[in-house]
PDB file of N, CA and C in Angstrom:
ATOM      1  N   MET A   1       5.891  16.751  -0.039  1.00  0.00           N
ATOM      2  CA  MET A   1       5.677  15.390   0.509  1.00  0.00           C
ATOM      3  C   MET A   1       5.329  15.498   1.952  1.00  0.00           C
ATOM      4  N   ARG A   2       4.521  14.555   2.393  1.00  0.00           N
ATOM      5  CA  ARG A   2       4.120  14.515   3.808  1.00  0.00           C
ATOM      6  C   ARG A   2       4.560  13.181   4.358  1.00  0.00           C
ATOM      7  N   GLU A   3       4.979  13.259   5.673  1.00  0.00           N
ATOM      8  CA  GLU A   3       5.360  12.067   6.380  1.00  0.00           C
ATOM      9  C   GLU A   3       4.120  11.254   6.750  1.00  0.00           C
ATOM     10  N   LEU A   4       4.213   9.926   6.726  1.00  0.00           N
ATOM     11  CA  LEU A   4       3.066   9.073   7.113  1.00  0.00           C
ATOM     12  C   LEU A   4       3.232   8.690   8.573  1.00  0.00           C
ATOM     13  N   ASP A   5       2.646   9.441   9.439  1.00  0.00           N
ATOM     14  CA  ASP A   5       2.463   9.153  10.852  1.00  0.00           C
ATOM     15  C   ASP A   5       3.719   8.505  11.470  1.00  0.00           C
ATOM     16  N   SER A   6       4.849   9.162  11.370  1.00  0.00           N
ATOM     17  CA  SER A   6       6.121   8.723  11.945  1.00  0.00           C
ATOM     18  C   SER A   6       6.483   7.264  11.629  1.00  0.00           C
ATOM     19  N   THR A   7       6.156   6.784  10.497  1.00  0.00           N
ATOM     20  CA  THR A   7       6.546   5.469  10.059  1.00  0.00           C
ATOM     21  C   THR A   7       7.890   5.427   9.306  1.00  0.00           C
ATOM     22  N   GLY A   8       8.387   6.633   8.993  1.00  0.00           N
ATOM     23  CA  GLY A   8       9.583   6.748   8.192  1.00  0.00           C
ATOM     24  C   GLY A   8       9.327   6.781   6.713  1.00  0.00           C
ATOM     25  N   TYR A   9       8.105   6.636   6.322  1.00  0.00           N
ATOM     26  CA  TYR A   9       7.694   6.773   4.937  1.00  0.00           C
ATOM     27  C   TYR A   9       7.060   8.089   4.686  1.00  0.00           C
ATOM     28  N   PHE A  10       7.207   8.535   3.407  1.00  0.00           N
ATOM     29  CA  PHE A  10       6.619   9.816   2.993  1.00  0.00           C
ATOM     30  C   PHE A  10       5.637   9.526   1.850  1.00  0.00           C
ATOM     31  N   LEU A  11       4.681  10.434   1.707  1.00  0.00           N
ATOM     32  CA  LEU A  11       3.637  10.267   0.692  1.00  0.00           C
ATOM     33  C   LEU A  11       3.798  11.301  -0.433  1.00  0.00           C
ATOM     34  N   SER A  12       3.940  10.878  -1.654  1.00  0.00           N
ATOM     35  CA  SER A  12       4.071  11.751  -2.786  1.00  0.00           C
ATOM     36  C   SER A  12       2.696  12.459  -3.051  1.00  0.00           C
ATOM     37  N   GLU A  13       2.825  13.582  -3.803  1.00  0.00           N
ATOM     38  CA  GLU A  13       1.569  14.249  -4.134  1.00  0.00           C
ATOM     39  C   GLU A  13       0.645  13.385  -4.938  1.00  0.00           C
ATOM     40  N   HIS A  14       1.208  12.554  -5.794  1.00  0.00           N
ATOM     41  CA  HIS A  14       0.453  11.646  -6.590  1.00  0.00           C
ATOM     42  C   HIS A  14      -0.384  10.638  -5.745  1.00  0.00           C
ATOM     43  N   VAL A  15       0.283  10.105  -4.751  1.00  0.00           N
ATOM     44  CA  VAL A  15      -0.494   9.108  -3.953  1.00  0.00           C
ATOM     45  C   VAL A  15      -1.558   9.809  -3.108  1.00  0.00           C
ATOM     46  N   LEU A  16      -1.264  11.015  -2.656  1.00  0.00           N
ATOM     47  CA  LEU A  16      -2.329  11.737  -1.927  1.00  0.00           C
ATOM     48  C   LEU A  16      -3.533  11.986  -2.785  1.00  0.00           C
ATOM     49  N   LYS A  17      -3.328  12.346  -4.054  1.00  0.00           N
ATOM     50  CA  LYS A  17      -4.435  12.524  -4.973  1.00  0.00           C
ATOM     51  C   LYS A  17      -5.191  11.189  -5.251  1.00  0.00           C
ATOM     52  N   ARG A  18      -4.448  10.140  -5.386  1.00  0.00           N
ATOM     53  CA  ARG A  18      -5.101   8.837  -5.670  1.00  0.00           C
ATOM     54  C   ARG A  18      -5.833   8.338  -4.466  1.00  0.00           C
ATOM     55  N   MET A  19      -5.258   8.566  -3.286  1.00  0.00           N
ATOM     56  CA  MET A  19      -5.946   8.159  -2.067  1.00  0.00           C
ATOM     57  C   MET A  19      -7.327   8.841  -1.912  1.00  0.00           C
ATOM     58  N   ASN A  20      -7.339  10.129  -2.225  1.00  0.00           N
ATOM     59  CA  ASN A  20      -8.540  10.863  -2.158  1.00  0.00           C
ATOM     60  C   ASN A  20      -9.588  10.321  -3.177  1.00  0.00           C
ATOM     61  N   GLN A  21      -9.145  10.078  -4.400  1.00  0.00           N
ATOM     62  CA  GLN A  21     -10.017   9.569  -5.388  1.00  0.00           C
ATOM     63  C   GLN A  21     -10.610   8.164  -5.129  1.00  0.00           C
ATOM     64  N   ARG A  22      -9.718   7.325  -4.475  1.00  0.00           N
ATOM     65  CA  ARG A  22     -10.062   5.923  -4.292  1.00  0.00           C
ATOM     66  C   ARG A  22     -10.579   5.574  -2.857  1.00  0.00           C
ATOM     67  N   GLY A  23     -10.609   6.549  -2.023  1.00  0.00           N
ATOM     68  CA  GLY A  23     -11.137   6.274  -0.657  1.00  0.00           C
ATOM     69  C   GLY A  23     -10.154   5.480   0.228  1.00  0.00           C
ATOM     70  N   ILE A  24      -8.885   5.655   0.034  1.00  0.00           N
ATOM     71  CA  ILE A  24      -7.921   5.011   0.763  1.00  0.00           C
ATOM     72  C   ILE A  24      -7.392   6.004   1.830  1.00  0.00           C
ATOM     73  N   ARG A  25      -7.365   5.514   3.090  1.00  0.00           N
ATOM     74  CA  ARG A  25      -6.988   6.394   4.237  1.00  0.00           C
ATOM     75  C   ARG A  25      -5.486   6.196   4.575  1.00  0.00           C
ATOM     76  N   LYS A  26      -4.913   7.109   5.248  1.00  0.00           N
ATOM     77  CA  LYS A  26      -3.525   7.023   5.701  1.00  0.00           C
ATOM     78  C   LYS A  26      -3.285   5.768   6.623  1.00  0.00           C
ATOM     79  N   GLU A  27      -4.342   5.512   7.390  1.00  0.00           N
ATOM     80  CA  GLU A  27      -4.265   4.275   8.306  1.00  0.00           C
ATOM     81  C   GLU A  27      -4.154   2.991   7.440  1.00  0.00           C
ATOM     82  N   ASP A  28      -4.862   3.028   6.284  1.00  0.00           N
ATOM     83  CA  ASP A  28      -4.791   1.845   5.410  1.00  0.00           C
ATOM     84  C   ASP A  28      -3.376   1.633   4.882  1.00  0.00           C
ATOM     85  N   LEU A  29      -2.734   2.766   4.486  1.00  0.00           N
ATOM     86  CA  LEU A  29      -1.369   2.632   3.994  1.00  0.00           C
ATOM     87  C   LEU A  29      -0.401   2.199   5.114  1.00  0.00           C
ATOM     88  N   ALA A  30      -0.614   2.675   6.246  1.00  0.00           N
ATOM     89  CA  ALA A  30       0.275   2.254   7.418  1.00  0.00           C
ATOM     90  C   ALA A  30       0.126   0.742   7.686  1.00  0.00           C
ATOM     91  N   TYR A  31      -1.171   0.264   7.638  1.00  0.00           N
ATOM     92  CA  TYR A  31      -1.386  -1.126   7.787  1.00  0.00           C
ATOM     93  C   TYR A  31      -0.689  -1.940   6.698  1.00  0.00           C
ATOM     94  N   ALA A  32      -0.860  -1.506   5.486  1.00  0.00           N
ATOM     95  CA  ALA A  32      -0.263  -2.276   4.354  1.00  0.00           C
ATOM     96  C   ALA A  32       1.307  -2.284   4.472  1.00  0.00           C
ATOM     97  N   LEU A  33       1.840  -1.237   4.820  1.00  0.00           N
ATOM     98  CA  LEU A  33       3.333  -1.126   5.024  1.00  0.00           C
ATOM     99  C   LEU A  33       3.824  -2.097   6.087  1.00  0.00           C
ATOM    100  N   MET A  34       2.996  -2.253   7.146  1.00  0.00           N
ATOM    101  CA  MET A  34       3.412  -3.076   8.222  1.00  0.00           C
ATOM    102  C   MET A  34       3.132  -4.552   8.013  1.00  0.00           C
ATOM    103  N   ASN A  35       2.034  -4.885   7.236  1.00  0.00           N
ATOM    104  CA  ASN A  35       1.590  -6.266   7.197  1.00  0.00           C
ATOM    105  C   ASN A  35       1.588  -6.862   5.823  1.00  0.00           C
ATOM    106  N   GLY A  36       1.745  -6.092   4.769  1.00  0.00           N
ATOM    107  CA  GLY A  36       1.607  -6.581   3.442  1.00  0.00           C
ATOM    108  C   GLY A  36       2.870  -7.404   2.984  1.00  0.00           C
ATOM    109  N   ALA A  37       2.633  -8.230   1.885  1.00  0.00           N
ATOM    110  CA  ALA A  37       3.730  -8.936   1.318  1.00  0.00           C
ATOM    111  C   ALA A  37       4.451  -7.985   0.364  1.00  0.00           C
ATOM    112  N   ARG A  38       5.795  -8.199   0.262  1.00  0.00           N
ATOM    113  CA  ARG A  38       6.630  -7.289  -0.559  1.00  0.00           C
ATOM    114  C   ARG A  38       7.317  -8.019  -1.682  1.00  0.00           C
ATOM    115  N   LYS A  39       7.434  -7.375  -2.745  1.00  0.00           N
ATOM    116  CA  LYS A  39       8.073  -7.903  -3.947  1.00  0.00           C
ATOM    117  C   LYS A  39       8.929  -6.798  -4.586  1.00  0.00           C
ATOM    118  N   LEU A  40      10.203  -7.024  -4.773  1.00  0.00           N
ATOM    119  CA  LEU A  40      11.106  -6.085  -5.378  1.00  0.00           C
ATOM    120  C   LEU A  40      11.024  -6.195  -6.882  1.00  0.00           C
ATOM    121  N   MET A  41      10.764  -5.001  -7.553  1.00  0.00           N
ATOM    122  CA  MET A  41      10.710  -4.949  -8.994  1.00  0.00           C
ATOM    123  C   MET A  41      11.492  -3.708  -9.414  1.00  0.00           C
ATOM    124  N   ASN A  42      12.642  -3.955  -9.978  1.00  0.00           N
ATOM    125  CA  ASN A  42      13.597  -2.873 -10.388  1.00  0.00           C
ATOM    126  C   ASN A  42      13.906  -2.064  -9.152  1.00  0.00           C
ATOM    127  N   SER A  43      13.635  -0.779  -9.156  1.00  0.00           N
ATOM    128  CA  SER A  43      13.987   0.087  -8.041  1.00  0.00           C
ATOM    129  C   SER A  43      12.752   0.300  -7.164  1.00  0.00           C
ATOM    130  N   ALA A  44      11.642  -0.314  -7.382  1.00  0.00           N
ATOM    131  CA  ALA A  44      10.440  -0.161  -6.579  1.00  0.00           C
ATOM    132  C   ALA A  44      10.176  -1.387  -5.795  1.00  0.00           C
ATOM    133  N   VAL A  45       9.414  -1.234  -4.727  1.00  0.00           N
ATOM    134  CA  VAL A  45       8.898  -2.337  -3.928  1.00  0.00           C
ATOM    135  C   VAL A  45       7.372  -2.302  -4.052  1.00  0.00           C
ATOM    136  N   LEU A  46       6.850  -3.435  -4.465  1.00  0.00           N
ATOM    137  CA  LEU A  46       5.408  -3.557  -4.591  1.00  0.00           C
ATOM    138  C   LEU A  46       4.915  -4.204  -3.263  1.00  0.00           C
ATOM    139  N   ILE A  47       3.921  -3.645  -2.657  1.00  0.00           N
ATOM    140  CA  ILE A  47       3.348  -4.152  -1.438  1.00  0.00           C
ATOM    141  C   ILE A  47       1.904  -4.535  -1.709  1.00  0.00           C
ATOM    142  N   PHE A  48       1.572  -5.750  -1.313  1.00  0.00           N
ATOM    143  CA  PHE A  48       0.249  -6.341  -1.552  1.00  0.00           C
ATOM    144  C   PHE A  48      -0.382  -6.765  -0.275  1.00  0.00           C
ATOM    145  N   VAL A  49      -1.662  -6.444  -0.019  1.00  0.00           N
ATOM    146  CA  VAL A  49      -2.407  -6.895   1.112  1.00  0.00           C
ATOM    147  C   VAL A  49      -3.500  -7.857   0.583  1.00  0.00           C
ATOM    148  N   GLY A  50      -3.341  -9.125   0.959  1.00  0.00           N
ATOM    149  CA  GLY A  50      -4.292 -10.074   0.478  1.00  0.00           C
ATOM    150  C   GLY A  50      -5.001 -10.696   1.630  1.00  0.00           C
ATOM    151  N   LYS A  51      -5.788 -11.793   1.338  1.00  0.00           N
ATOM    152  CA  LYS A  51      -6.607 -12.405   2.377  1.00  0.00           C
ATOM    153  C   LYS A  51      -5.766 -12.940   3.601  1.00  0.00           C
ATOM    154  N   ARG A  52      -4.602 -13.391   3.336  1.00  0.00           N
ATOM    155  CA  ARG A  52      -3.828 -13.915   4.479  1.00  0.00           C
ATOM    156  C   ARG A  52      -3.143 -12.786   5.311  1.00  0.00           C
ATOM    157  N   HIS A  53      -3.217 -11.559   4.814  1.00  0.00           N
ATOM    158  CA  HIS A  53      -2.627 -10.449   5.518  1.00  0.00           C
ATOM    159  C   HIS A  53      -3.634  -9.584   6.325  1.00  0.00           C
ATOM    160  N   VAL A  54      -4.887 -10.000   6.286  1.00  0.00           N
ATOM    161  CA  VAL A  54      -5.844  -9.118   6.954  1.00  0.00           C
ATOM    162  C   VAL A  54      -6.639  -9.988   7.995  1.00  0.00           C
ATOM    163  N   ASP A  55      -7.178  -9.301   8.995  1.00  0.00           N
ATOM    164  CA  ASP A  55      -8.050  -9.898   9.961  1.00  0.00           C
ATOM    165  C   ASP A  55      -9.467  -9.357   9.672  1.00  0.00           C
ATOM    166  N   ARG A  56     -10.435  -9.727  10.474  1.00  0.00           N
ATOM    167  CA  ARG A  56     -11.782  -9.280  10.271  1.00  0.00           C
ATOM    168  C   ARG A  56     -11.927  -7.753  10.231  1.00  0.00           C
ATOM    169  N   GLU A  57     -11.216  -7.176  11.140  1.00  0.00           N
ATOM    170  CA  GLU A  57     -11.220  -5.663  11.328  1.00  0.00           C
ATOM    171  C   GLU A  57     -10.776  -4.932  10.060  1.00  0.00           C
ATOM    172  N   HIS A  58      -9.783  -5.585   9.297  1.00  0.00           N
ATOM    173  CA  HIS A  58      -9.142  -4.917   8.193  1.00  0.00           C
ATOM    174  C   HIS A  58      -9.568  -5.588   6.838  1.00  0.00           C
ATOM    175  N   ASP A  59     -10.640  -6.366   6.846  1.00  0.00           N
ATOM    176  CA  ASP A  59     -10.996  -7.083   5.595  1.00  0.00           C
ATOM    177  C   ASP A  59     -11.195  -6.203   4.428  1.00  0.00           C
ATOM    178  N   SER A  60     -11.593  -4.960   4.633  1.00  0.00           N
ATOM    179  CA  SER A  60     -11.795  -3.976   3.492  1.00  0.00           C
ATOM    180  C   SER A  60     -10.517  -3.656   2.815  1.00  0.00           C
ATOM    181  N   LEU A  61      -9.383  -3.985   3.378  1.00  0.00           N
ATOM    182  CA  LEU A  61      -8.072  -3.725   2.736  1.00  0.00           C
ATOM    183  C   LEU A  61      -7.593  -4.795   1.853  1.00  0.00           C
ATOM    184  N   ASN A  62      -8.312  -5.898   1.752  1.00  0.00           N
ATOM    185  CA  ASN A  62      -8.004  -6.979   0.864  1.00  0.00           C
ATOM    186  C   ASN A  62      -7.899  -6.425  -0.556  1.00  0.00           C
ATOM    187  N   GLY A  63      -6.720  -6.646  -1.218  1.00  0.00           N
ATOM    188  CA  GLY A  63      -6.581  -6.201  -2.568  1.00  0.00           C
ATOM    189  C   GLY A  63      -5.778  -4.887  -2.571  1.00  0.00           C
ATOM    190  N   LEU A  64      -5.430  -4.246  -1.527  1.00  0.00           N
ATOM    191  CA  LEU A  64      -4.660  -2.996  -1.569  1.00  0.00           C
ATOM    192  C   LEU A  64      -3.297  -3.285  -2.038  1.00  0.00           C
ATOM    193  N   ARG A  65      -2.853  -2.386  -2.960  1.00  0.00           N
ATOM    194  CA  ARG A  65      -1.449  -2.447  -3.463  1.00  0.00           C
ATOM    195  C   ARG A  65      -0.840  -1.049  -3.296  1.00  0.00           C
ATOM    196  N   LEU A  66       0.486  -1.089  -2.976  1.00  0.00           N
ATOM    197  CA  LEU A  66       1.247   0.152  -2.896  1.00  0.00           C
ATOM    198  C   LEU A  66       2.470  -0.015  -3.738  1.00  0.00           C
ATOM    199  N   VAL A  67       2.920   1.089  -4.335  1.00  0.00           N
ATOM    200  CA  VAL A  67       4.269   1.118  -4.981  1.00  0.00           C
ATOM    201  C   VAL A  67       5.113   2.073  -4.206  1.00  0.00           C
ATOM    202  N   VAL A  68       6.282   1.616  -3.703  1.00  0.00           N
ATOM    203  CA  VAL A  68       7.147   2.373  -2.881  1.00  0.00           C
ATOM    204  C   VAL A  68       8.537   2.421  -3.494  1.00  0.00           C
ATOM    205  N   VAL A  69       9.114   3.655  -3.602  1.00  0.00           N
ATOM    206  CA  VAL A  69      10.461   3.780  -4.072  1.00  0.00           C
ATOM    207  C   VAL A  69      11.216   4.456  -2.971  1.00  0.00           C
ATOM    208  N   GLY A  70      12.258   3.793  -2.466  1.00  0.00           N
ATOM    209  CA  GLY A  70      12.983   4.253  -1.345  1.00  0.00           C
ATOM    210  C   GLY A  70      12.065   4.304  -0.159  1.00  0.00           C
ATOM    211  N   ASN A  71      11.805   5.475   0.439  1.00  0.00           N
ATOM    212  CA  ASN A  71      10.880   5.609   1.555  1.00  0.00           C
ATOM    213  C   ASN A  71       9.700   6.486   1.208  1.00  0.00           C
ATOM    214  N   VAL A  72       9.385   6.463  -0.117  1.00  0.00           N
ATOM    215  CA  VAL A  72       8.311   7.306  -0.661  1.00  0.00           C
ATOM    216  C   VAL A  72       7.223   6.417  -1.293  1.00  0.00           C
ATOM    217  N   VAL A  73       6.067   6.553  -0.770  1.00  0.00           N
ATOM    218  CA  VAL A  73       4.881   5.812  -1.359  1.00  0.00           C
ATOM    219  C   VAL A  73       4.440   6.556  -2.585  1.00  0.00           C
ATOM    220  N   ILE A  74       4.545   5.924  -3.720  1.00  0.00           N
ATOM    221  CA  ILE A  74       4.288   6.644  -5.046  1.00  0.00           C
ATOM    222  C   ILE A  74       2.805   6.549  -5.388  1.00  0.00           C
ATOM    223  N   THR A  75       2.177   5.370  -5.281  1.00  0.00           N
ATOM    224  CA  THR A  75       0.784   5.231  -5.633  1.00  0.00           C
ATOM    225  C   THR A  75       0.169   4.125  -4.810  1.00  0.00           C
ATOM    226  N   ALA A  76      -1.179   4.144  -4.785  1.00  0.00           N
ATOM    227  CA  ALA A  76      -1.978   3.118  -4.042  1.00  0.00           C
ATOM    228  C   ALA A  76      -3.205   2.858  -4.813  1.00  0.00           C
ATOM    229  N   TYR A  77      -3.614   1.602  -4.860  1.00  0.00           N
ATOM    230  CA  TYR A  77      -4.831   1.195  -5.500  1.00  0.00           C
ATOM    231  C   TYR A  77      -5.315  -0.124  -4.998  1.00  0.00           C
ATOM    232  N   LYS A  78      -6.550  -0.531  -5.342  1.00  0.00           N
ATOM    233  CA  LYS A  78      -7.101  -1.797  -4.917  1.00  0.00           C
ATOM    234  C   LYS A  78      -7.337  -2.683  -6.162  1.00  0.00           C
ATOM    235  N   ASN A  79      -7.015  -3.922  -6.061  1.00  0.00           N
ATOM    236  CA  ASN A  79      -7.226  -4.882  -7.191  1.00  0.00           C
ATOM    237  C   ASN A  79      -7.273  -6.233  -6.553  1.00  0.00           C
ATOM    238  N   LYS A  80      -8.432  -6.747  -6.257  1.00  0.00           N
ATOM    239  CA  LYS A  80      -8.566  -8.051  -5.671  1.00  0.00           C
ATOM    240  C   LYS A  80      -8.355  -9.196  -6.627  1.00  0.00           C
ATOM    241  N   ASN A  81      -8.358  -8.928  -7.946  1.00  0.00           N
ATOM    242  CA  ASN A  81      -8.250  -9.943  -8.901  1.00  0.00           C
ATOM    243  C   ASN A  81      -6.878 -10.198  -9.540  1.00  0.00           C
ATOM    244  N   ALA A  82      -5.857  -9.500  -9.063  1.00  0.00           N
ATOM    245  CA  ALA A  82      -4.574  -9.637  -9.629  1.00  0.00           C
ATOM    246  C   ALA A  82      -4.019 -11.024  -9.401  1.00  0.00           C
ATOM    247  N   ARG A  83      -3.303 -11.529 -10.300  1.00  0.00           N
ATOM    248  CA  ARG A  83      -2.792 -12.946 -10.249  1.00  0.00           C
ATOM    249  C   ARG A  83      -1.285 -12.972 -10.207  1.00  0.00           C
ATOM    250  N   TRP A  84      -0.697 -12.187  -9.293  1.00  0.00           N
ATOM    251  CA  TRP A  84       0.728 -12.204  -9.151  1.00  0.00           C
ATOM    252  C   TRP A  84       1.180 -13.283  -8.171  1.00  0.00           C
ATOM    253  N   ASN A  85       2.342 -13.795  -8.349  1.00  0.00           N
ATOM    254  CA  ASN A  85       2.947 -14.776  -7.432  1.00  0.00           C
ATOM    255  C   ASN A  85       3.664 -14.001  -6.347  1.00  0.00           C
ATOM    256  N   TRP A  86       3.036 -14.014  -5.141  1.00  0.00           N
ATOM    257  CA  TRP A  86       3.567 -13.250  -3.994  1.00  0.00           C
ATOM    258  C   TRP A  86       4.252 -14.153  -3.000  1.00  0.00           C
ATOM    259  N   SER A  87       4.809 -15.258  -3.385  1.00  0.00           N
ATOM    260  CA  SER A  87       5.381 -16.206  -2.427  1.00  0.00           C
ATOM    261  C   SER A  87       6.654 -15.702  -1.794  1.00  0.00           C
TER     262      SER A  87
END
């Protein structure tokens, strides 16, 4: 596991592989962790970056989702069409 730029979070081998496949950068993950909406599901925290969480500079991150268990980012993907209630 690798630490994510002194954020206190670590990246699993799985998320590193998925980031490479999906064109997601470490800076994108750091932005999502700092600014995204959070929802607790069982032992994982789902983090979502939507339109209200991005500015013009980070518009390409709209739809980014992370799954975090403890302080380890397990996976990351983009889905702009998800219909979850993130209130």
